[in-house]
N, C-alpha and C. Protein backbone atom coordinates (compact mmCIF):
# COMPACT_ATOMS: atom_id res chain seq x y z
N MET A 1 6.17 6.09 16.68
CA MET A 1 5.57 6.87 15.65
C MET A 1 4.06 6.65 15.73
N ARG A 2 3.28 7.70 15.61
CA ARG A 2 1.84 7.61 15.65
C ARG A 2 1.30 8.32 14.42
N ILE A 3 0.45 7.64 13.70
CA ILE A 3 -0.11 8.20 12.49
C ILE A 3 -1.62 8.14 12.61
N SER A 4 -2.28 9.24 12.27
CA SER A 4 -3.73 9.28 12.27
C SER A 4 -4.22 9.47 10.85
N LEU A 5 -5.25 8.78 10.51
CA LEU A 5 -5.87 8.90 9.21
C LEU A 5 -7.20 9.60 9.42
N ILE A 6 -7.44 10.67 8.71
CA ILE A 6 -8.69 11.41 8.83
C ILE A 6 -9.65 10.89 7.77
N ALA A 7 -10.80 10.45 8.23
CA ALA A 7 -11.82 9.96 7.31
C ALA A 7 -13.03 10.88 7.40
N VAL A 8 -13.45 11.41 6.29
CA VAL A 8 -14.62 12.28 6.27
C VAL A 8 -15.70 11.55 5.49
N LEU A 9 -16.83 11.40 6.12
CA LEU A 9 -17.95 10.74 5.48
C LEU A 9 -18.91 11.80 4.96
N LEU A 10 -19.20 11.74 3.70
CA LEU A 10 -20.11 12.70 3.10
C LEU A 10 -21.42 11.99 2.79
N ALA A 11 -22.52 12.59 3.20
CA ALA A 11 -23.83 12.02 2.92
C ALA A 11 -24.31 12.52 1.58
N ALA A 12 -24.84 11.64 0.77
CA ALA A 12 -25.40 12.03 -0.52
C ALA A 12 -26.75 12.69 -0.28
N PRO A 13 -27.07 13.74 -1.04
CA PRO A 13 -28.38 14.38 -0.85
C PRO A 13 -29.51 13.43 -1.25
N ALA A 14 -30.63 13.62 -0.63
CA ALA A 14 -31.80 12.81 -0.95
C ALA A 14 -32.29 13.14 -2.35
N CYS A 15 -33.06 12.24 -2.94
CA CYS A 15 -33.62 12.46 -4.26
C CYS A 15 -34.52 13.68 -4.21
N THR A 16 -34.39 14.60 -5.18
CA THR A 16 -35.18 15.83 -5.14
C THR A 16 -36.32 15.83 -6.12
N ALA A 17 -36.45 14.77 -6.89
CA ALA A 17 -37.56 14.72 -7.83
C ALA A 17 -38.85 14.48 -7.07
N GLY A 18 -39.91 15.12 -7.50
CA GLY A 18 -41.21 14.96 -6.85
C GLY A 18 -41.87 13.68 -7.30
N PRO A 19 -43.08 13.44 -6.85
CA PRO A 19 -43.80 12.26 -7.27
C PRO A 19 -44.04 12.31 -8.78
N ALA A 20 -44.35 11.16 -9.36
CA ALA A 20 -44.57 11.09 -10.80
C ALA A 20 -45.56 12.16 -11.22
N GLY A 21 -45.19 12.94 -12.23
CA GLY A 21 -46.07 13.98 -12.73
C GLY A 21 -45.93 15.28 -11.97
N GLY A 22 -45.30 15.29 -10.79
CA GLY A 22 -45.16 16.52 -10.01
C GLY A 22 -43.83 17.17 -10.30
N SER A 23 -43.58 18.31 -9.73
CA SER A 23 -42.32 19.00 -9.93
C SER A 23 -41.57 19.05 -8.62
N ALA A 24 -40.28 19.29 -8.71
CA ALA A 24 -39.45 19.37 -7.51
C ALA A 24 -39.91 20.48 -6.62
N GLY A 25 -40.48 21.54 -7.19
CA GLY A 25 -40.93 22.67 -6.38
C GLY A 25 -42.10 22.31 -5.49
N GLU A 26 -42.83 21.25 -5.81
CA GLU A 26 -43.96 20.84 -5.00
C GLU A 26 -43.52 20.14 -3.72
N ASN A 27 -42.27 19.77 -3.63
CA ASN A 27 -41.76 19.07 -2.46
C ASN A 27 -41.07 20.07 -1.56
N SER A 28 -41.83 20.68 -0.69
CA SER A 28 -41.32 21.74 0.17
C SER A 28 -40.11 21.28 0.96
N GLY A 29 -39.02 22.04 0.86
CA GLY A 29 -37.83 21.77 1.64
C GLY A 29 -36.90 20.75 1.03
N GLN A 30 -37.23 20.18 -0.12
CA GLN A 30 -36.33 19.21 -0.74
C GLN A 30 -35.61 19.85 -1.90
N GLY A 31 -34.33 19.63 -1.99
CA GLY A 31 -33.53 20.17 -3.08
C GLY A 31 -33.31 21.66 -2.91
N GLY A 32 -32.28 22.18 -3.51
CA GLY A 32 -32.00 23.62 -3.45
C GLY A 32 -31.69 24.08 -2.05
N ALA A 33 -31.88 25.36 -1.78
CA ALA A 33 -31.60 25.94 -0.47
C ALA A 33 -32.71 25.59 0.51
N PRO A 34 -32.38 25.51 1.81
CA PRO A 34 -33.44 25.23 2.79
C PRO A 34 -34.42 26.40 2.86
N PRO A 35 -35.67 26.12 3.24
CA PRO A 35 -36.66 27.20 3.35
C PRO A 35 -36.19 28.27 4.34
N ALA A 36 -36.58 29.49 4.10
CA ALA A 36 -36.19 30.60 4.97
C ALA A 36 -36.63 30.32 6.40
N GLY A 37 -35.76 30.66 7.35
CA GLY A 37 -36.07 30.50 8.76
C GLY A 37 -35.80 29.12 9.31
N SER A 38 -35.38 28.15 8.47
CA SER A 38 -35.11 26.80 8.98
C SER A 38 -33.71 26.74 9.58
N VAL A 39 -33.51 25.79 10.49
CA VAL A 39 -32.22 25.60 11.15
C VAL A 39 -31.47 24.50 10.41
N VAL A 40 -30.22 24.78 10.05
CA VAL A 40 -29.40 23.80 9.34
C VAL A 40 -28.32 23.33 10.30
N ASP A 41 -28.19 21.99 10.44
CA ASP A 41 -27.15 21.44 11.32
C ASP A 41 -25.77 21.74 10.76
N ALA A 42 -24.87 22.14 11.64
CA ALA A 42 -23.48 22.35 11.23
C ALA A 42 -22.83 20.99 11.00
N PRO A 43 -21.90 20.91 10.04
CA PRO A 43 -21.24 19.62 9.81
C PRO A 43 -20.44 19.21 11.04
N SER A 44 -20.43 17.92 11.32
CA SER A 44 -19.69 17.42 12.48
C SER A 44 -18.20 17.35 12.15
N ALA A 45 -17.39 17.27 13.20
CA ALA A 45 -15.94 17.15 13.01
C ALA A 45 -15.63 15.82 12.34
N PRO A 46 -14.59 15.78 11.52
CA PRO A 46 -14.24 14.51 10.87
C PRO A 46 -13.87 13.44 11.89
N GLU A 47 -14.23 12.21 11.56
CA GLU A 47 -13.90 11.08 12.43
C GLU A 47 -12.43 10.73 12.24
N GLN A 48 -11.71 10.45 13.34
CA GLN A 48 -10.31 10.06 13.24
C GLN A 48 -10.19 8.56 13.42
N LEU A 49 -9.50 7.92 12.50
CA LEU A 49 -9.26 6.49 12.54
C LEU A 49 -7.76 6.29 12.70
N GLU A 50 -7.36 5.65 13.80
CA GLU A 50 -5.94 5.43 14.03
C GLU A 50 -5.53 4.08 13.47
N ILE A 51 -4.42 4.08 12.72
CA ILE A 51 -3.86 2.84 12.22
C ILE A 51 -2.42 2.75 12.66
N GLY A 52 -1.89 1.55 12.68
CA GLY A 52 -0.53 1.37 13.18
C GLY A 52 -0.54 1.17 14.68
N ASN A 53 0.64 1.07 15.26
CA ASN A 53 0.82 0.83 16.69
C ASN A 53 0.18 -0.49 17.11
N PHE A 54 0.31 -1.50 16.24
CA PHE A 54 -0.22 -2.84 16.52
C PHE A 54 0.94 -3.77 16.84
N SER A 55 0.63 -5.01 17.19
CA SER A 55 1.66 -5.99 17.53
C SER A 55 1.52 -7.25 16.67
N ILE A 56 2.62 -7.95 16.51
CA ILE A 56 2.63 -9.26 15.86
C ILE A 56 3.19 -10.26 16.86
N LYS A 57 2.41 -11.31 17.14
CA LYS A 57 2.88 -12.40 18.00
C LYS A 57 3.04 -13.64 17.13
N GLY A 58 4.15 -14.35 17.33
CA GLY A 58 4.35 -15.50 16.49
C GLY A 58 5.33 -16.50 17.04
N GLN A 59 5.70 -17.41 16.16
CA GLN A 59 6.56 -18.53 16.51
C GLN A 59 7.58 -18.74 15.41
N LEU A 60 8.84 -19.00 15.79
CA LEU A 60 9.87 -19.39 14.85
C LEU A 60 9.76 -20.88 14.63
N LEU A 61 9.67 -21.30 13.35
CA LEU A 61 9.60 -22.71 13.01
C LEU A 61 10.70 -23.05 12.01
N VAL A 62 11.23 -24.26 12.12
CA VAL A 62 12.27 -24.73 11.21
C VAL A 62 11.64 -25.08 9.87
N ASP A 63 12.13 -24.46 8.79
CA ASP A 63 11.63 -24.73 7.46
C ASP A 63 11.87 -26.20 7.11
N GLY A 64 10.84 -26.86 6.65
CA GLY A 64 10.96 -28.26 6.26
C GLY A 64 10.50 -29.25 7.31
N SER A 65 10.64 -28.91 8.58
CA SER A 65 10.21 -29.84 9.63
C SER A 65 9.07 -29.29 10.46
N ASP A 66 8.87 -27.98 10.43
CA ASP A 66 7.86 -27.29 11.23
C ASP A 66 8.08 -27.43 12.74
N ASP A 67 9.29 -27.82 13.15
CA ASP A 67 9.62 -27.89 14.57
C ASP A 67 9.88 -26.49 15.10
N PRO A 68 9.49 -26.23 16.36
CA PRO A 68 9.81 -24.92 16.94
C PRO A 68 11.33 -24.75 17.07
N VAL A 69 11.77 -23.54 16.87
CA VAL A 69 13.19 -23.21 17.03
C VAL A 69 13.44 -22.95 18.51
N GLU A 70 14.35 -23.68 19.08
CA GLU A 70 14.62 -23.54 20.50
C GLU A 70 15.90 -22.75 20.73
N ASP A 71 15.95 -21.57 20.12
CA ASP A 71 17.07 -20.65 20.26
C ASP A 71 16.53 -19.24 20.38
N GLU A 72 17.29 -18.41 21.03
CA GLU A 72 16.92 -17.00 21.16
C GLU A 72 17.51 -16.25 19.97
N LEU A 73 16.71 -16.10 18.91
CA LEU A 73 17.15 -15.43 17.68
C LEU A 73 16.53 -14.03 17.60
N CYS A 74 17.20 -13.15 16.86
CA CYS A 74 16.69 -11.80 16.65
C CYS A 74 15.62 -11.83 15.57
N VAL A 75 14.50 -11.17 15.83
CA VAL A 75 13.39 -11.08 14.88
C VAL A 75 13.13 -9.60 14.65
N GLU A 76 13.09 -9.20 13.38
CA GLU A 76 12.84 -7.80 13.03
C GLU A 76 11.74 -7.73 12.00
N ALA A 77 10.88 -6.74 12.14
CA ALA A 77 9.91 -6.42 11.10
C ALA A 77 10.56 -5.34 10.24
N VAL A 78 10.69 -5.61 8.94
CA VAL A 78 11.31 -4.65 8.04
C VAL A 78 10.37 -4.33 6.89
N ASP A 79 10.55 -3.15 6.31
CA ASP A 79 9.73 -2.68 5.20
C ASP A 79 10.22 -3.33 3.92
N GLN A 80 9.42 -4.21 3.34
CA GLN A 80 9.86 -4.91 2.14
C GLN A 80 9.89 -4.00 0.92
N HIS A 81 9.23 -2.87 0.96
CA HIS A 81 9.26 -1.91 -0.14
C HIS A 81 10.69 -1.48 -0.43
N ASP A 82 11.49 -1.34 0.63
CA ASP A 82 12.90 -0.95 0.46
C ASP A 82 13.66 -1.98 -0.37
N PHE A 83 13.38 -3.27 -0.16
CA PHE A 83 14.05 -4.31 -0.93
C PHE A 83 13.77 -4.14 -2.43
N ALA A 84 12.51 -3.86 -2.75
CA ALA A 84 12.12 -3.72 -4.15
C ALA A 84 12.86 -2.56 -4.82
N LEU A 85 13.20 -1.56 -4.03
CA LEU A 85 13.91 -0.40 -4.57
C LEU A 85 15.42 -0.53 -4.44
N GLY A 86 15.89 -1.68 -3.96
CA GLY A 86 17.33 -1.91 -3.84
C GLY A 86 17.99 -1.16 -2.70
N ARG A 87 17.20 -0.78 -1.71
CA ARG A 87 17.73 -0.04 -0.56
C ARG A 87 17.84 -0.96 0.65
N ASP A 88 18.68 -0.56 1.60
CA ASP A 88 18.72 -1.28 2.87
C ASP A 88 17.37 -1.09 3.54
N PRO A 89 16.80 -2.16 4.07
CA PRO A 89 15.45 -2.05 4.64
C PRO A 89 15.42 -1.29 5.95
N GLU A 90 14.33 -0.55 6.13
CA GLU A 90 14.10 0.13 7.39
C GLU A 90 13.57 -0.88 8.40
N VAL A 91 14.20 -0.95 9.57
CA VAL A 91 13.72 -1.83 10.63
C VAL A 91 12.59 -1.10 11.36
N LEU A 92 11.39 -1.69 11.31
CA LEU A 92 10.22 -1.08 11.92
C LEU A 92 10.10 -1.42 13.40
N ALA A 93 10.54 -2.62 13.78
CA ALA A 93 10.52 -3.07 15.17
C ALA A 93 11.40 -4.31 15.27
N GLY A 94 11.94 -4.55 16.44
CA GLY A 94 12.77 -5.72 16.64
C GLY A 94 12.63 -6.28 18.04
N THR A 95 12.93 -7.56 18.17
CA THR A 95 12.87 -8.24 19.46
C THR A 95 13.75 -9.47 19.40
N THR A 96 13.89 -10.15 20.51
CA THR A 96 14.58 -11.43 20.58
C THR A 96 13.56 -12.49 20.96
N ALA A 97 13.48 -13.55 20.16
CA ALA A 97 12.57 -14.66 20.48
C ALA A 97 13.04 -15.33 21.76
N ASP A 98 12.11 -15.90 22.50
CA ASP A 98 12.50 -16.59 23.73
C ASP A 98 13.05 -17.98 23.39
N ALA A 99 13.40 -18.75 24.40
CA ALA A 99 14.04 -20.05 24.20
C ALA A 99 13.13 -21.08 23.54
N THR A 100 11.83 -20.78 23.43
CA THR A 100 10.90 -21.68 22.73
C THR A 100 10.62 -21.20 21.31
N GLY A 101 11.21 -20.07 20.91
CA GLY A 101 10.99 -19.51 19.59
C GLY A 101 9.81 -18.56 19.49
N ALA A 102 9.13 -18.28 20.61
CA ALA A 102 8.01 -17.35 20.60
C ALA A 102 8.53 -15.92 20.58
N PHE A 103 7.81 -15.04 19.86
CA PHE A 103 8.23 -13.64 19.80
C PHE A 103 7.02 -12.72 19.73
N THR A 104 7.23 -11.46 20.12
CA THR A 104 6.23 -10.41 19.99
C THR A 104 6.93 -9.16 19.50
N LEU A 105 6.46 -8.62 18.41
CA LEU A 105 6.93 -7.33 17.90
C LEU A 105 5.84 -6.32 18.21
N ALA A 106 6.18 -5.27 18.96
CA ALA A 106 5.18 -4.32 19.42
C ALA A 106 5.38 -2.95 18.77
N ALA A 107 4.32 -2.16 18.82
CA ALA A 107 4.31 -0.77 18.37
C ALA A 107 4.74 -0.63 16.91
N LEU A 108 4.19 -1.49 16.05
CA LEU A 108 4.53 -1.42 14.62
C LEU A 108 3.77 -0.29 13.93
N PRO A 109 4.48 0.49 13.11
CA PRO A 109 3.79 1.53 12.34
C PRO A 109 3.06 0.89 11.17
N PRO A 110 2.19 1.62 10.49
CA PRO A 110 1.56 1.05 9.31
C PRO A 110 2.62 0.68 8.28
N PRO A 111 2.58 -0.56 7.75
CA PRO A 111 3.58 -0.95 6.75
C PRO A 111 3.25 -0.36 5.39
N ALA A 112 4.20 -0.45 4.48
CA ALA A 112 3.96 -0.04 3.11
C ALA A 112 2.84 -0.90 2.53
N THR A 113 2.28 -0.47 1.43
CA THR A 113 1.17 -1.20 0.83
C THR A 113 1.57 -2.59 0.36
N THR A 114 2.86 -2.87 0.30
CA THR A 114 3.33 -4.18 -0.12
C THR A 114 3.49 -5.14 1.05
N GLY A 115 3.22 -4.70 2.27
CA GLY A 115 3.37 -5.55 3.44
C GLY A 115 4.72 -5.38 4.10
N LEU A 116 5.05 -6.31 4.96
CA LEU A 116 6.34 -6.25 5.63
C LEU A 116 6.94 -7.64 5.67
N VAL A 117 8.20 -7.69 6.09
CA VAL A 117 8.94 -8.95 6.13
C VAL A 117 9.46 -9.15 7.54
N LEU A 118 9.37 -10.39 8.03
CA LEU A 118 9.99 -10.75 9.30
C LEU A 118 11.37 -11.32 8.99
N ARG A 119 12.39 -10.60 9.43
CA ARG A 119 13.77 -11.05 9.20
C ARG A 119 14.26 -11.71 10.49
N VAL A 120 14.76 -12.93 10.36
CA VAL A 120 15.25 -13.69 11.51
C VAL A 120 16.72 -13.99 11.29
N ARG A 121 17.51 -13.75 12.31
CA ARG A 121 18.94 -14.05 12.23
C ARG A 121 19.49 -14.23 13.64
N VAL A 122 20.66 -14.82 13.69
CA VAL A 122 21.33 -14.98 14.98
C VAL A 122 21.73 -13.59 15.46
N CYS A 123 21.41 -13.28 16.69
CA CYS A 123 21.79 -11.98 17.23
C CYS A 123 23.31 -11.87 17.20
N GLY A 124 23.82 -10.79 16.66
CA GLY A 124 25.25 -10.61 16.55
C GLY A 124 25.79 -11.04 15.19
N GLY A 125 24.96 -11.67 14.35
CA GLY A 125 25.35 -11.97 12.98
C GLY A 125 25.99 -13.32 12.73
N ASP A 126 26.34 -14.10 13.76
CA ASP A 126 26.96 -15.41 13.55
C ASP A 126 25.97 -16.33 12.84
N THR A 127 26.39 -16.98 11.76
CA THR A 127 25.50 -17.87 11.01
C THR A 127 25.92 -19.33 11.14
N GLY A 128 26.50 -19.70 12.27
CA GLY A 128 26.94 -21.07 12.47
C GLY A 128 25.81 -22.08 12.45
N THR A 129 24.70 -21.80 13.10
CA THR A 129 23.60 -22.76 13.20
C THR A 129 22.43 -22.38 12.30
N TRP A 130 22.06 -21.11 12.29
CA TRP A 130 20.86 -20.65 11.57
C TRP A 130 21.24 -19.67 10.48
N TYR A 131 20.69 -19.90 9.30
CA TYR A 131 20.92 -19.02 8.16
C TYR A 131 19.91 -17.86 8.24
N PRO A 132 20.31 -16.63 7.95
CA PRO A 132 19.35 -15.51 8.00
C PRO A 132 18.20 -15.74 7.01
N THR A 133 16.98 -15.56 7.48
CA THR A 133 15.80 -15.79 6.64
C THR A 133 14.84 -14.62 6.75
N MET A 134 13.91 -14.57 5.80
CA MET A 134 12.85 -13.57 5.82
C MET A 134 11.54 -14.24 5.45
N THR A 135 10.47 -13.88 6.15
CA THR A 135 9.14 -14.41 5.90
C THR A 135 8.21 -13.25 5.61
N LEU A 136 7.48 -13.32 4.51
CA LEU A 136 6.55 -12.27 4.12
C LEU A 136 5.31 -12.25 5.01
N VAL A 137 4.92 -11.06 5.44
CA VAL A 137 3.62 -10.83 6.07
C VAL A 137 2.87 -9.95 5.08
N PRO A 138 1.91 -10.51 4.33
CA PRO A 138 1.24 -9.72 3.29
C PRO A 138 0.46 -8.55 3.88
N ALA A 139 0.31 -7.51 3.08
CA ALA A 139 -0.39 -6.30 3.51
C ALA A 139 -1.80 -6.61 4.00
N GLU A 140 -2.46 -7.60 3.39
CA GLU A 140 -3.84 -7.93 3.79
C GLU A 140 -3.92 -8.35 5.26
N ALA A 141 -2.83 -8.94 5.77
CA ALA A 141 -2.84 -9.41 7.16
C ALA A 141 -2.78 -8.28 8.16
N THR A 142 -2.26 -7.13 7.76
CA THR A 142 -2.09 -6.02 8.70
C THR A 142 -2.97 -4.82 8.39
N THR A 143 -3.70 -4.87 7.28
CA THR A 143 -4.54 -3.74 6.89
C THR A 143 -5.56 -3.43 7.97
N GLY A 144 -5.59 -2.18 8.38
CA GLY A 144 -6.57 -1.72 9.35
C GLY A 144 -6.24 -1.99 10.80
N LEU A 145 -5.11 -2.64 11.08
CA LEU A 145 -4.76 -2.90 12.48
C LEU A 145 -4.35 -1.60 13.15
N GLY A 146 -4.86 -1.38 14.34
CA GLY A 146 -4.58 -0.14 15.07
C GLY A 146 -4.11 -0.42 16.48
N PRO A 147 -4.08 0.62 17.30
CA PRO A 147 -3.58 0.48 18.67
C PRO A 147 -4.27 -0.64 19.43
N GLY A 148 -3.47 -1.51 20.02
CA GLY A 148 -4.00 -2.62 20.81
C GLY A 148 -4.31 -3.86 20.00
N ASP A 149 -4.35 -3.76 18.67
CA ASP A 149 -4.64 -4.93 17.84
C ASP A 149 -3.41 -5.83 17.78
N ILE A 150 -3.65 -7.14 17.69
CA ILE A 150 -2.56 -8.12 17.64
C ILE A 150 -2.80 -9.08 16.48
N LEU A 151 -1.80 -9.19 15.61
CA LEU A 151 -1.81 -10.24 14.60
C LEU A 151 -1.14 -11.43 15.27
N ASP A 152 -1.95 -12.41 15.65
CA ASP A 152 -1.46 -13.54 16.44
C ASP A 152 -1.27 -14.77 15.55
N GLY A 153 -0.32 -15.62 15.93
CA GLY A 153 -0.11 -16.87 15.22
C GLY A 153 0.75 -16.76 13.97
N GLN A 154 1.46 -15.67 13.83
CA GLN A 154 2.32 -15.50 12.65
C GLN A 154 3.54 -16.41 12.75
N VAL A 155 3.85 -17.11 11.69
CA VAL A 155 5.03 -17.97 11.65
C VAL A 155 6.16 -17.24 10.94
N ALA A 156 7.35 -17.32 11.50
CA ALA A 156 8.57 -16.85 10.83
C ALA A 156 9.44 -18.08 10.63
N TRP A 157 9.74 -18.38 9.38
CA TRP A 157 10.48 -19.60 9.04
C TRP A 157 11.98 -19.38 9.22
N VAL A 158 12.65 -20.39 9.73
CA VAL A 158 14.09 -20.34 9.97
C VAL A 158 14.71 -21.55 9.28
N MET A 159 15.88 -21.32 8.65
CA MET A 159 16.55 -22.40 7.93
C MET A 159 17.89 -22.71 8.59
N PRO A 160 18.14 -23.98 8.88
CA PRO A 160 19.47 -24.33 9.38
C PRO A 160 20.53 -23.99 8.33
N THR A 161 21.67 -23.53 8.78
CA THR A 161 22.76 -23.18 7.86
C THR A 161 23.17 -24.39 7.02
N SER A 162 23.11 -25.59 7.59
CA SER A 162 23.47 -26.79 6.83
C SER A 162 22.56 -26.98 5.62
N ASP A 163 21.25 -26.67 5.75
CA ASP A 163 20.32 -26.76 4.62
C ASP A 163 20.66 -25.71 3.56
N ALA A 164 20.98 -24.51 4.01
CA ALA A 164 21.33 -23.44 3.07
C ALA A 164 22.58 -23.82 2.28
N ARG A 165 23.55 -24.42 2.94
CA ARG A 165 24.79 -24.81 2.24
C ARG A 165 24.53 -25.93 1.22
N ARG A 166 23.62 -26.86 1.55
CA ARG A 166 23.26 -27.92 0.59
C ARG A 166 22.58 -27.32 -0.64
N ILE A 167 21.72 -26.34 -0.43
CA ILE A 167 21.07 -25.66 -1.57
C ILE A 167 22.12 -24.95 -2.41
N GLU A 168 23.02 -24.27 -1.73
CA GLU A 168 24.07 -23.53 -2.43
C GLU A 168 24.97 -24.47 -3.24
N GLU A 169 25.34 -25.62 -2.68
CA GLU A 169 26.16 -26.60 -3.41
C GLU A 169 25.43 -27.08 -4.66
N ALA A 170 24.13 -27.35 -4.52
CA ALA A 170 23.35 -27.80 -5.67
C ALA A 170 23.27 -26.72 -6.75
N LEU A 171 23.14 -25.46 -6.35
CA LEU A 171 23.12 -24.37 -7.31
C LEU A 171 24.43 -24.30 -8.09
N LEU A 172 25.54 -24.39 -7.35
CA LEU A 172 26.85 -24.31 -8.00
C LEU A 172 27.10 -25.51 -8.92
N GLU A 173 26.68 -26.71 -8.50
CA GLU A 173 26.84 -27.91 -9.33
C GLU A 173 26.06 -27.79 -10.63
N ASN A 174 24.98 -27.03 -10.59
CA ASN A 174 24.12 -26.87 -11.77
C ASN A 174 24.39 -25.58 -12.53
N GLY A 175 25.54 -24.96 -12.26
CA GLY A 175 25.97 -23.82 -13.05
C GLY A 175 25.46 -22.46 -12.62
N SER A 176 24.92 -22.33 -11.44
CA SER A 176 24.45 -21.01 -10.99
C SER A 176 25.65 -20.07 -10.81
N PRO A 177 25.53 -18.86 -11.33
CA PRO A 177 26.64 -17.91 -11.20
C PRO A 177 26.67 -17.19 -9.84
N THR A 178 25.64 -17.37 -9.02
CA THR A 178 25.59 -16.66 -7.73
C THR A 178 25.39 -17.65 -6.59
N THR A 179 25.54 -17.15 -5.38
CA THR A 179 25.31 -17.95 -4.18
C THR A 179 24.11 -17.40 -3.44
N LEU A 180 23.64 -18.13 -2.46
CA LEU A 180 22.55 -17.64 -1.62
C LEU A 180 22.93 -16.34 -0.94
N ASP A 181 24.17 -16.26 -0.48
CA ASP A 181 24.61 -15.05 0.21
C ASP A 181 24.54 -13.84 -0.71
N GLU A 182 24.78 -14.03 -2.00
CA GLU A 182 24.78 -12.92 -2.97
C GLU A 182 23.37 -12.58 -3.46
N ALA A 183 22.58 -13.59 -3.74
CA ALA A 183 21.30 -13.35 -4.42
C ALA A 183 20.07 -13.69 -3.58
N GLY A 184 20.23 -14.46 -2.51
CA GLY A 184 19.07 -14.86 -1.74
C GLY A 184 18.28 -15.94 -2.45
N ALA A 185 17.16 -16.30 -1.90
CA ALA A 185 16.31 -17.32 -2.49
C ALA A 185 14.92 -17.19 -1.91
N ILE A 186 13.95 -17.68 -2.64
CA ILE A 186 12.58 -17.72 -2.14
C ILE A 186 12.25 -19.18 -1.86
N VAL A 187 11.90 -19.46 -0.62
CA VAL A 187 11.54 -20.81 -0.22
C VAL A 187 10.13 -20.74 0.34
N GLY A 188 9.24 -21.56 -0.15
CA GLY A 188 7.86 -21.49 0.28
C GLY A 188 7.37 -22.79 0.86
N GLN A 189 6.28 -22.67 1.58
CA GLN A 189 5.62 -23.85 2.14
C GLN A 189 4.17 -23.81 1.74
């Protein structure tokens, strides 16, 4: 997908008041219509500013230890706006991290004004080792990125399934009516 944003720059007219005590009519060619016989420049074509079609390069890290994830997990950039509206998120781009946890998401369209989310999960859906997680990429980080631009050094946090189950057990012991699988959770660093 390629999106172009048209930006038109308008120049403000110069001050048309004459010197103190004088009148605007004393300033030949200022204000009003140009003098007869003068050449007026035609307006130039609007400048086109391309946004989107950028890349995100990053690393999968284990939440709590900051160790690199040494598994090939699926990483997707999704539109977080859809979550707020209770809809299934649109996948903007996807890739598989390499065996060191490094990943690159390419050809990303401009995200919603709320930013985007990096969703990490085991390819194929098995949650035996890693629990599905999402890491926010705020809109400020991607604003204005265009073709060839790279947001480098982005971290996507990954949680071991054993940690998620311990959190879930603690929630249930303390009377929570839902589970992580049902309601999710926000975990920050």
